[in-house]
Amino acid sequence: MDWNKRVRQIHRWLSIIFAAVVAAIFISLGAGKEPAYWVYLLPLFPLGLLLLTGLYMFVLPYAPKWRNAGGTGALE
C-alpha cells in the first residue's frame, strides 16, 4: 500500500470519527443532557488531522509540477 492510498484511507476514517463525535454531541443535546465543556472540544482533534490530510491531498496534483521545475522557481 503506497503512501497516498494510506493518507486517503486515514482521511476517510477520520471523517467517520469526526461525524460520529459531532452526531453524539447533538444527540446528547437533544436528549436534554448538557455535556461537560471538554466534550465540545473532542471534535477538534480529528478535525485538525482532517485538515492536515486534506491539505496533503490538495497539494498532490501540484507536486509533480514543482519537482519538474528544477528549482527555477517557475511553477508553470
PDB file of N, CA and C in Angstrom:
ATOM      1  N   MET A   1       0.859  -1.178   0.000  1.00  0.00           N
ATOM      2  CA  MET A   1       0.000   0.000   0.000  1.00  0.00           C
ATOM      3  C   MET A   1       0.899   1.233   0.000  1.00  0.00           C
ATOM      4  N   ASP A   2       0.735   2.081  -0.974  1.00  0.00           N
ATOM      5  CA  ASP A   2       1.601   3.249  -1.046  1.00  0.00           C
ATOM      6  C   ASP A   2       1.090   4.365  -0.137  1.00  0.00           C
ATOM      7  N   TRP A   3       1.895   5.390   0.013  1.00  0.00           N
ATOM      8  CA  TRP A   3       1.649   6.484   0.956  1.00  0.00           C
ATOM      9  C   TRP A   3       0.360   7.236   0.648  1.00  0.00           C
ATOM     10  N   ASN A   4       0.097   7.509  -0.611  1.00  0.00           N
ATOM     11  CA  ASN A   4      -1.098   8.287  -0.986  1.00  0.00           C
ATOM     12  C   ASN A   4      -2.383   7.537  -0.631  1.00  0.00           C
ATOM     13  N   LYS A   5      -2.411   6.236  -0.893  1.00  0.00           N
ATOM     14  CA  LYS A   5      -3.596   5.444  -0.547  1.00  0.00           C
ATOM     15  C   LYS A   5      -3.792   5.398   0.958  1.00  0.00           C
ATOM     16  N   ARG A   6      -2.706   5.324   1.692  1.00  0.00           N
ATOM     17  CA  ARG A   6      -2.789   5.277   3.150  1.00  0.00           C
ATOM     18  C   ARG A   6      -3.355   6.594   3.704  1.00  0.00           C
ATOM     19  N   VAL A   7      -2.900   7.710   3.164  1.00  0.00           N
ATOM     20  CA  VAL A   7      -3.395   9.014   3.616  1.00  0.00           C
ATOM     21  C   VAL A   7      -4.880   9.149   3.289  1.00  0.00           C
ATOM     22  N   ARG A   8      -5.297   8.704   2.120  1.00  0.00           N
ATOM     23  CA  ARG A   8      -6.714   8.767   1.759  1.00  0.00           C
ATOM     24  C   ARG A   8      -7.567   7.909   2.696  1.00  0.00           C
ATOM     25  N   GLN A   9      -7.065   6.718   3.033  1.00  0.00           N
ATOM     26  CA  GLN A   9      -7.808   5.840   3.934  1.00  0.00           C
ATOM     27  C   GLN A   9      -7.900   6.457   5.327  1.00  0.00           C
ATOM     28  N   ILE A  10      -6.819   7.038   5.811  1.00  0.00           N
ATOM     29  CA  ILE A  10      -6.830   7.708   7.110  1.00  0.00           C
ATOM     30  C   ILE A  10      -7.815   8.864   7.084  1.00  0.00           C
ATOM     31  N   HIS A  11      -7.834   9.622   5.989  1.00  0.00           N
ATOM     32  CA  HIS A  11      -8.744  10.753   5.860  1.00  0.00           C
ATOM     33  C   HIS A  11     -10.206  10.286   5.917  1.00  0.00           C
ATOM     34  N   ARG A  12     -10.497   9.171   5.260  1.00  0.00           N
ATOM     35  CA  ARG A  12     -11.866   8.639   5.282  1.00  0.00           C
ATOM     36  C   ARG A  12     -12.282   8.235   6.692  1.00  0.00           C
ATOM     37  N   TRP A  13     -11.412   7.524   7.399  1.00  0.00           N
ATOM     38  CA  TRP A  13     -11.749   7.078   8.747  1.00  0.00           C
ATOM     39  C   TRP A  13     -11.860   8.255   9.706  1.00  0.00           C
ATOM     40  N   LEU A  14     -11.011   9.242   9.540  1.00  0.00           N
ATOM     41  CA  LEU A  14     -11.111  10.431  10.387  1.00  0.00           C
ATOM     42  C   LEU A  14     -12.425  11.162  10.164  1.00  0.00           C
ATOM     43  N   SER A  15     -12.892  11.199   8.929  1.00  0.00           N
ATOM     44  CA  SER A  15     -14.161  11.872   8.666  1.00  0.00           C
ATOM     45  C   SER A  15     -15.316  11.119   9.319  1.00  0.00           C
ATOM     46  N   ILE A  16     -15.249   9.790   9.348  1.00  0.00           N
ATOM     47  CA  ILE A  16     -16.283   8.999  10.018  1.00  0.00           C
ATOM     48  C   ILE A  16     -16.253   9.262  11.517  1.00  0.00           C
ATOM     49  N   ILE A  17     -15.061   9.291  12.103  1.00  0.00           N
ATOM     50  CA  ILE A  17     -14.923   9.554  13.540  1.00  0.00           C
ATOM     51  C   ILE A  17     -15.433  10.949  13.870  1.00  0.00           C
ATOM     52  N   PHE A  18     -15.054  11.930  13.065  1.00  0.00           N
ATOM     53  CA  PHE A  18     -15.491  13.305  13.296  1.00  0.00           C
ATOM     54  C   PHE A  18     -17.013  13.403  13.242  1.00  0.00           C
ATOM     55  N   ALA A  19     -17.612  12.809  12.222  1.00  0.00           N
ATOM     56  CA  ALA A  19     -19.068  12.868  12.082  1.00  0.00           C
ATOM     57  C   ALA A  19     -19.762  12.164  13.248  1.00  0.00           C
ATOM     58  N   ALA A  20     -19.212  11.053  13.705  1.00  0.00           N
ATOM     59  CA  ALA A  20     -19.815  10.325  14.825  1.00  0.00           C
ATOM     60  C   ALA A  20     -19.747  11.131  16.114  1.00  0.00           C
ATOM     61  N   VAL A  21     -18.623  11.791  16.358  1.00  0.00           N
ATOM     62  CA  VAL A  21     -18.482  12.602  17.571  1.00  0.00           C
ATOM     63  C   VAL A  21     -19.445  13.781  17.544  1.00  0.00           C
ATOM     64  N   VAL A  22     -19.532  14.458  16.413  1.00  0.00           N
ATOM     65  CA  VAL A  22     -20.449  15.598  16.301  1.00  0.00           C
ATOM     66  C   VAL A  22     -21.896  15.131  16.449  1.00  0.00           C
ATOM     67  N   ALA A  23     -22.243  14.007  15.836  1.00  0.00           N
ATOM     68  CA  ALA A  23     -23.604  13.478  15.955  1.00  0.00           C
ATOM     69  C   ALA A  23     -23.906  13.109  17.405  1.00  0.00           C
ATOM     70  N   ALA A  24     -22.942  12.530  18.112  1.00  0.00           N
ATOM     71  CA  ALA A  24     -23.154  12.164  19.512  1.00  0.00           C
ATOM     72  C   ALA A  24     -23.392  13.398  20.377  1.00  0.00           C
ATOM     73  N   ILE A  25     -22.696  14.473  20.076  1.00  0.00           N
ATOM     74  CA  ILE A  25     -22.899  15.712  20.835  1.00  0.00           C
ATOM     75  C   ILE A  25     -24.304  16.248  20.590  1.00  0.00           C
ATOM     76  N   PHE A  26     -24.748  16.253  19.337  1.00  0.00           N
ATOM     77  CA  PHE A  26     -26.094  16.745  19.031  1.00  0.00           C
ATOM     78  C   PHE A  26     -27.172  15.845  19.640  1.00  0.00           C
ATOM     79  N   ILE A  27     -26.950  14.550  19.630  1.00  0.00           N
ATOM     80  CA  ILE A  27     -27.923  13.628  20.232  1.00  0.00           C
ATOM     81  C   ILE A  27     -28.019  13.865  21.732  1.00  0.00           C
ATOM     82  N   SER A  28     -26.870  14.069  22.373  1.00  0.00           N
ATOM     83  CA  SER A  28     -26.905  14.321  23.818  1.00  0.00           C
ATOM     84  C   SER A  28     -27.591  15.650  24.131  1.00  0.00           C
ATOM     85  N   LEU A  29     -27.413  16.637  23.265  1.00  0.00           N
ATOM     86  CA  LEU A  29     -28.115  17.909  23.462  1.00  0.00           C
ATOM     87  C   LEU A  29     -29.622  17.740  23.252  1.00  0.00           C
ATOM     88  N   GLY A  30     -29.998  16.931  22.278  1.00  0.00           N
ATOM     89  CA  GLY A  30     -31.413  16.684  22.012  1.00  0.00           C
ATOM     90  C   GLY A  30     -32.088  15.897  23.120  1.00  0.00           C
ATOM     91  N   ALA A  31     -31.302  15.085  23.833  1.00  0.00           N
ATOM     92  CA  ALA A  31     -31.851  14.296  24.929  1.00  0.00           C
ATOM     93  C   ALA A  31     -32.019  15.129  26.194  1.00  0.00           C
ATOM     94  N   GLY A  32     -31.603  16.365  26.145  1.00  0.00           N
ATOM     95  CA  GLY A  32     -31.766  17.249  27.295  1.00  0.00           C
ATOM     96  C   GLY A  32     -30.590  17.231  28.250  1.00  0.00           C
ATOM     97  N   LYS A  33     -29.559  16.496  27.912  1.00  0.00           N
ATOM     98  CA  LYS A  33     -28.372  16.444  28.774  1.00  0.00           C
ATOM     99  C   LYS A  33     -27.381  17.507  28.319  1.00  0.00           C
ATOM    100  N   GLU A  34     -26.853  18.225  29.263  1.00  0.00           N
ATOM    101  CA  GLU A  34     -25.824  19.220  28.942  1.00  0.00           C
ATOM    102  C   GLU A  34     -24.459  18.581  29.184  1.00  0.00           C
ATOM    103  N   PRO A  35     -23.725  18.271  28.107  1.00  0.00           N
ATOM    104  CA  PRO A  35     -22.426  17.622  28.296  1.00  0.00           C
ATOM    105  C   PRO A  35     -21.411  18.582  28.918  1.00  0.00           C
ATOM    106  N   ALA A  36     -20.363  18.006  29.454  1.00  0.00           N
ATOM    107  CA  ALA A  36     -19.288  18.803  30.038  1.00  0.00           C
ATOM    108  C   ALA A  36     -18.599  19.614  28.937  1.00  0.00           C
ATOM    109  N   TYR A  37     -17.885  20.639  29.361  1.00  0.00           N
ATOM    110  CA  TYR A  37     -17.229  21.534  28.401  1.00  0.00           C
ATOM    111  C   TYR A  37     -16.234  20.784  27.514  1.00  0.00           C
ATOM    112  N   TRP A  38     -15.490  19.825  28.080  1.00  0.00           N
ATOM    113  CA  TRP A  38     -14.453  19.136  27.309  1.00  0.00           C
ATOM    114  C   TRP A  38     -15.050  18.297  26.180  1.00  0.00           C
ATOM    115  N   VAL A  39     -16.332  17.936  26.298  1.00  0.00           N
ATOM    116  CA  VAL A  39     -16.965  17.145  25.237  1.00  0.00           C
ATOM    117  C   VAL A  39     -17.052  17.959  23.952  1.00  0.00           C
ATOM    118  N   TYR A  40     -17.235  19.263  24.093  1.00  0.00           N
ATOM    119  CA  TYR A  40     -17.302  20.123  22.911  1.00  0.00           C
ATOM    120  C   TYR A  40     -15.941  20.247  22.210  1.00  0.00           C
ATOM    121  N   LEU A  41     -14.881  19.934  22.922  1.00  0.00           N
ATOM    122  CA  LEU A  41     -13.541  20.017  22.343  1.00  0.00           C
ATOM    123  C   LEU A  41     -13.116  18.719  21.648  1.00  0.00           C
ATOM    124  N   LEU A  42     -13.857  17.644  21.857  1.00  0.00           N
ATOM    125  CA  LEU A  42     -13.499  16.356  21.264  1.00  0.00           C
ATOM    126  C   LEU A  42     -13.386  16.384  19.735  1.00  0.00           C
ATOM    127  N   PRO A  43     -14.261  17.073  19.008  1.00  0.00           N
ATOM    128  CA  PRO A  43     -14.138  17.043  17.545  1.00  0.00           C
ATOM    129  C   PRO A  43     -12.916  17.786  17.006  1.00  0.00           C
ATOM    130  N   LEU A  44     -12.258  18.574  17.834  1.00  0.00           N
ATOM    131  CA  LEU A  44     -11.138  19.365  17.322  1.00  0.00           C
ATOM    132  C   LEU A  44      -9.937  18.516  16.916  1.00  0.00           C
ATOM    133  N   PHE A  45      -9.670  17.426  17.625  1.00  0.00           N
ATOM    134  CA  PHE A  45      -8.519  16.587  17.269  1.00  0.00           C
ATOM    135  C   PHE A  45      -8.693  15.936  15.901  1.00  0.00           C
ATOM    136  N   PRO A  46      -9.816  15.218  15.649  1.00  0.00           N
ATOM    137  CA  PRO A  46      -9.965  14.665  14.296  1.00  0.00           C
ATOM    138  C   PRO A  46     -10.084  15.749  13.227  1.00  0.00           C
ATOM    139  N   LEU A  47     -10.646  16.898  13.595  1.00  0.00           N
ATOM    140  CA  LEU A  47     -10.759  17.982  12.624  1.00  0.00           C
ATOM    141  C   LEU A  47      -9.381  18.506  12.220  1.00  0.00           C
ATOM    142  N   GLY A  48      -8.480  18.625  13.178  1.00  0.00           N
ATOM    143  CA  GLY A  48      -7.112  19.050  12.864  1.00  0.00           C
ATOM    144  C   GLY A  48      -6.394  18.049  11.970  1.00  0.00           C
ATOM    145  N   LEU A  49      -6.572  16.757  12.261  1.00  0.00           N
ATOM    146  CA  LEU A  49      -5.961  15.733  11.412  1.00  0.00           C
ATOM    147  C   LEU A  49      -6.596  15.713  10.025  1.00  0.00           C
ATOM    148  N   LEU A  50      -7.906  15.970   9.961  1.00  0.00           N
ATOM    149  CA  LEU A  50      -8.561  16.075   8.659  1.00  0.00           C
ATOM    150  C   LEU A  50      -7.996  17.232   7.847  1.00  0.00           C
ATOM    151  N   LEU A  51      -7.691  18.325   8.534  1.00  0.00           N
ATOM    152  CA  LEU A  51      -7.096  19.473   7.852  1.00  0.00           C
ATOM    153  C   LEU A  51      -5.746  19.096   7.255  1.00  0.00           C
ATOM    154  N   LEU A  52      -4.916  18.415   8.033  1.00  0.00           N
ATOM    155  CA  LEU A  52      -3.577  18.040   7.541  1.00  0.00           C
ATOM    156  C   LEU A  52      -3.653  17.068   6.373  1.00  0.00           C
ATOM    157  N   THR A  53      -4.464  16.023   6.502  1.00  0.00           N
ATOM    158  CA  THR A  53      -4.554  15.053   5.413  1.00  0.00           C
ATOM    159  C   THR A  53      -5.240  15.664   4.185  1.00  0.00           C
ATOM    160  N   GLY A  54      -6.209  16.544   4.416  1.00  0.00           N
ATOM    161  CA  GLY A  54      -6.875  17.203   3.293  1.00  0.00           C
ATOM    162  C   GLY A  54      -5.936  18.126   2.533  1.00  0.00           C
ATOM    163  N   LEU A  55      -5.119  18.870   3.271  1.00  0.00           N
ATOM    164  CA  LEU A  55      -4.142  19.738   2.606  1.00  0.00           C
ATOM    165  C   LEU A  55      -3.114  18.920   1.831  1.00  0.00           C
ATOM    166  N   TYR A  56      -2.707  17.776   2.396  1.00  0.00           N
ATOM    167  CA  TYR A  56      -1.770  16.905   1.697  1.00  0.00           C
ATOM    168  C   TYR A  56      -2.367  16.434   0.370  1.00  0.00           C
ATOM    169  N   MET A  57      -3.629  15.999   0.418  1.00  0.00           N
ATOM    170  CA  MET A  57      -4.262  15.527  -0.812  1.00  0.00           C
ATOM    171  C   MET A  57      -4.518  16.664  -1.796  1.00  0.00           C
ATOM    172  N   PHE A  58      -4.733  17.869  -1.282  1.00  0.00           N
ATOM    173  CA  PHE A  58      -4.933  19.021  -2.147  1.00  0.00           C
ATOM    174  C   PHE A  58      -3.663  19.361  -2.920  1.00  0.00           C
ATOM    175  N   VAL A  59      -2.512  19.196  -2.280  1.00  0.00           N
ATOM    176  CA  VAL A  59      -1.233  19.567  -2.888  1.00  0.00           C
ATOM    177  C   VAL A  59      -0.716  18.490  -3.838  1.00  0.00           C
ATOM    178  N   LEU A  60      -1.195  17.257  -3.711  1.00  0.00           N
ATOM    179  CA  LEU A  60      -0.683  16.150  -4.522  1.00  0.00           C
ATOM    180  C   LEU A  60      -0.650  16.426  -6.028  1.00  0.00           C
ATOM    181  N   PRO A  61      -1.689  16.971  -6.640  1.00  0.00           N
ATOM    182  CA  PRO A  61      -1.622  17.190  -8.089  1.00  0.00           C
ATOM    183  C   PRO A  61      -0.566  18.213  -8.514  1.00  0.00           C
ATOM    184  N   TYR A  62      -0.191  19.103  -7.617  1.00  0.00           N
ATOM    185  CA  TYR A  62       0.777  20.150  -7.956  1.00  0.00           C
ATOM    186  C   TYR A  62       2.218  19.715  -7.708  1.00  0.00           C
ATOM    187  N   ALA A  63       2.427  18.671  -6.924  1.00  0.00           N
ATOM    188  CA  ALA A  63       3.774  18.241  -6.558  1.00  0.00           C
ATOM    189  C   ALA A  63       4.635  17.861  -7.772  1.00  0.00           C
ATOM    190  N   PRO A  64       4.128  17.121  -8.768  1.00  0.00           N
ATOM    191  CA  PRO A  64       4.985  16.805  -9.925  1.00  0.00           C
ATOM    192  C   PRO A  64       5.437  18.059 -10.683  1.00  0.00           C
ATOM    193  N   LYS A  65       4.583  19.070 -10.743  1.00  0.00           N
ATOM    194  CA  LYS A  65       4.968  20.307 -11.435  1.00  0.00           C
ATOM    195  C   LYS A  65       6.102  20.992 -10.690  1.00  0.00           C
ATOM    196  N   TRP A  66       6.048  20.960  -9.348  1.00  0.00           N
ATOM    197  CA  TRP A  66       7.099  21.597  -8.557  1.00  0.00           C
ATOM    198  C   TRP A  66       8.411  20.840  -8.696  1.00  0.00           C
ATOM    199  N   ARG A  67       8.324  19.518  -8.767  1.00  0.00           N
ATOM    200  CA  ARG A  67       9.541  18.712  -8.908  1.00  0.00           C
ATOM    201  C   ARG A  67      10.187  18.927 -10.282  1.00  0.00           C
ATOM    202  N   ASN A  68       9.356  19.019 -11.325  1.00  0.00           N
ATOM    203  CA  ASN A  68       9.873  19.196 -12.675  1.00  0.00           C
ATOM    204  C   ASN A  68      10.390  20.597 -12.947  1.00  0.00           C
ATOM    205  N   ALA A  69      10.048  21.559 -12.072  1.00  0.00           N
ATOM    206  CA  ALA A  69      10.519  22.923 -12.269  1.00  0.00           C
ATOM    207  C   ALA A  69      12.024  23.003 -12.098  1.00  0.00           C
ATOM    208  N   GLY A  70      12.608  22.053 -11.389  1.00  0.00           N
ATOM    209  CA  GLY A  70      14.067  22.005 -11.276  1.00  0.00           C
ATOM    210  C   GLY A  70      14.663  23.106 -10.418  1.00  0.00           C
ATOM    211  N   GLY A  71      13.911  23.621  -9.496  1.00  0.00           N
ATOM    212  CA  GLY A  71      14.441  24.636  -8.597  1.00  0.00           C
ATOM    213  C   GLY A  71      14.555  26.016  -9.241  1.00  0.00           C
ATOM    214  N   THR A  72      13.900  26.215 -10.386  1.00  0.00           N
ATOM    215  CA  THR A  72      13.982  27.516 -11.045  1.00  0.00           C
ATOM    216  C   THR A  72      13.002  28.512 -10.453  1.00  0.00           C
ATOM    217  N   GLY A  73      12.079  27.998  -9.622  1.00  0.00           N
ATOM    218  CA  GLY A  73      11.069  28.884  -9.047  1.00  0.00           C
ATOM    219  C   GLY A  73       9.841  29.029  -9.907  1.00  0.00           C
ATOM    220  N   ALA A  74       9.887  28.495 -11.124  1.00  0.00           N
ATOM    221  CA  ALA A  74       8.739  28.582 -12.049  1.00  0.00           C
ATOM    222  C   ALA A  74       7.787  27.428 -11.748  1.00  0.00           C
ATOM    223  N   LEU A  75       6.526  27.737 -11.657  1.00  0.00           N
ATOM    224  CA  LEU A  75       5.533  26.706 -11.375  1.00  0.00           C
ATOM    225  C   LEU A  75       4.726  26.331 -12.608  1.00  0.00           C
ATOM    226  N   GLU A  76       5.051  26.867 -13.755  1.00  0.00           N
ATOM    227  CA  GLU A  76       4.284  26.612 -14.961  1.00  0.00           C
ATOM    228  C   GLU A  76       4.844  25.438 -15.716  1.00  0.00           C
TER     229      GLU A  76
END
